[in-house]
Amino acid sequence: TTERVKEIYHLFKKHQFQLADLRSFGKVITPADFAAKRALAAKFHENQEKFRKFQREAGEKLARIPVMAKGVQSSKGNGIAKTVGAALAIGTAAYLLGKRKGKKGAK
């Protein structure tokens, strides 16, 4: 509600909070940067073919970058198989440890 927004704003001012600068790749984004991006967006909006070409070229550049350099893990392999394998290993270890403890108690 509007009252809640006003309350948050009041607390914001009361405790002298300030918003941090907007950053991209460690660099502060300036109003000039915003203006440049808006101009580029307007140019692409006017010329759809140029936009499609830009998208295609950007996609090709991204495809050449190794997956790990993009900050994501490769999706190669089956996550379920890894989970089942880990559960099997833990179960086997627990069984062997339990069996070992049982032998000590029998003596």
Protein backbone atom coordinates (compact mmCIF):
# COMPACT_ATOMS: atom_id res chain seq x y z
CA THR A 1 0.00 0.00 0.00
CA THR A 2 0.97 3.64 -0.27
CA GLU A 3 1.17 3.96 3.51
CA ARG A 4 3.73 1.14 3.67
CA VAL A 5 5.85 2.80 0.99
CA LYS A 6 5.72 6.10 2.90
CA GLU A 7 6.76 4.31 6.10
CA ILE A 8 9.73 2.67 4.38
CA TYR A 9 10.73 6.01 2.84
CA HIS A 10 10.49 7.68 6.27
CA LEU A 11 12.74 5.02 7.83
CA PHE A 12 15.12 5.34 4.89
CA LYS A 13 15.47 9.09 5.54
CA LYS A 14 15.51 8.74 9.34
CA HIS A 15 18.48 6.35 9.29
CA GLN A 16 20.22 8.28 6.48
CA PHE A 17 20.45 5.31 4.15
CA GLN A 18 21.84 5.88 0.67
CA LEU A 19 21.59 3.71 -2.40
CA ALA A 20 24.86 2.42 -3.82
CA ASP A 21 25.90 3.30 -7.35
CA LEU A 22 24.75 0.92 -10.06
CA ARG A 23 27.71 -1.09 -11.36
CA SER A 24 28.37 -3.38 -14.29
CA PHE A 25 31.57 -5.42 -14.54
CA GLY A 26 33.05 -3.40 -11.65
CA LYS A 27 32.45 -0.05 -13.38
CA VAL A 28 29.97 2.58 -12.16
CA ILE A 29 27.15 3.17 -14.65
CA THR A 30 26.80 6.88 -15.40
CA PRO A 31 23.88 8.80 -16.92
CA ALA A 32 25.97 9.02 -20.12
CA ASP A 33 26.17 5.21 -20.19
CA PHE A 34 22.38 5.00 -19.83
CA ALA A 35 21.92 7.53 -22.64
CA ALA A 36 24.25 5.57 -24.93
CA LYS A 37 22.37 2.31 -24.26
CA ARG A 38 19.01 4.00 -24.85
CA ALA A 39 20.27 5.44 -28.15
CA LEU A 40 21.52 2.00 -29.21
CA ALA A 41 18.16 0.45 -28.27
CA ALA A 42 16.31 3.11 -30.29
CA LYS A 43 18.57 2.46 -33.29
CA PHE A 44 17.91 -1.28 -33.12
CA HIS A 45 14.18 -0.69 -32.62
CA GLU A 46 14.09 1.28 -35.86
CA ASN A 47 16.13 -1.27 -37.83
CA GLN A 48 15.13 -4.84 -36.91
CA GLU A 49 17.48 -6.41 -39.48
CA LYS A 50 20.46 -4.65 -37.92
CA PHE A 51 19.31 -5.92 -34.52
CA ARG A 52 19.06 -9.52 -35.75
CA LYS A 53 22.57 -9.24 -37.24
CA PHE A 54 23.90 -7.85 -33.94
CA GLN A 55 22.22 -10.70 -32.02
CA ARG A 56 23.67 -13.30 -34.39
CA GLU A 57 27.20 -11.87 -34.10
CA ALA A 58 26.94 -11.66 -30.30
CA GLY A 59 25.74 -15.27 -30.17
CA GLU A 60 28.70 -16.39 -32.28
CA LYS A 61 31.12 -14.54 -29.99
CA LEU A 62 29.53 -16.10 -26.89
CA ALA A 63 29.70 -19.57 -28.44
CA ARG A 64 33.48 -19.21 -28.83
CA ILE A 65 33.97 -18.42 -25.11
CA PRO A 66 34.60 -21.52 -22.94
CA VAL A 67 31.64 -22.40 -20.70
CA MET A 68 33.63 -22.08 -17.45
CA ALA A 69 34.75 -18.56 -18.44
CA LYS A 70 31.10 -17.51 -18.48
CA GLY A 71 30.73 -18.21 -14.75
CA VAL A 72 28.47 -21.23 -15.17
CA GLN A 73 29.17 -24.92 -14.90
CA SER A 74 28.97 -27.18 -17.89
CA SER A 75 25.75 -29.18 -18.02
CA LYS A 76 27.58 -32.25 -19.35
CA GLY A 77 26.68 -35.40 -17.50
CA ASN A 78 23.57 -36.49 -15.70
CA GLY A 79 22.92 -34.90 -12.31
CA ILE A 80 20.68 -37.80 -11.24
CA ALA A 81 23.42 -40.35 -11.94
CA LYS A 82 25.86 -38.32 -9.83
CA THR A 83 23.36 -38.10 -6.97
CA VAL A 84 22.64 -41.84 -7.07
CA GLY A 85 26.38 -42.57 -7.18
CA ALA A 86 27.03 -40.35 -4.17
CA ALA A 87 24.16 -41.94 -2.23
CA LEU A 88 25.50 -45.41 -3.06
CA ALA A 89 28.99 -44.45 -1.88
CA ILE A 90 27.64 -43.01 1.39
CA GLY A 91 25.44 -46.07 1.95
CA THR A 92 28.35 -48.45 1.34
CA ALA A 93 30.59 -46.50 3.71
CA ALA A 94 27.89 -46.51 6.41
CA TYR A 95 27.35 -50.25 5.97
CA LEU A 96 31.07 -51.03 6.22
CA LEU A 97 31.50 -48.80 9.28
CA GLY A 98 28.50 -50.43 10.95
CA LYS A 99 29.84 -53.89 10.19
CA ARG A 100 33.23 -52.92 11.60
CA LYS A 101 31.67 -51.64 14.85
CA GLY A 102 29.71 -54.89 15.15
CA LYS A 103 32.93 -56.94 15.09
CA LYS A 104 34.45 -54.85 17.90
CA GLY A 105 31.38 -55.39 20.10
CA ALA A 106 31.49 -59.20 19.57
CA LYS A 107 34.99 -59.58 21.10
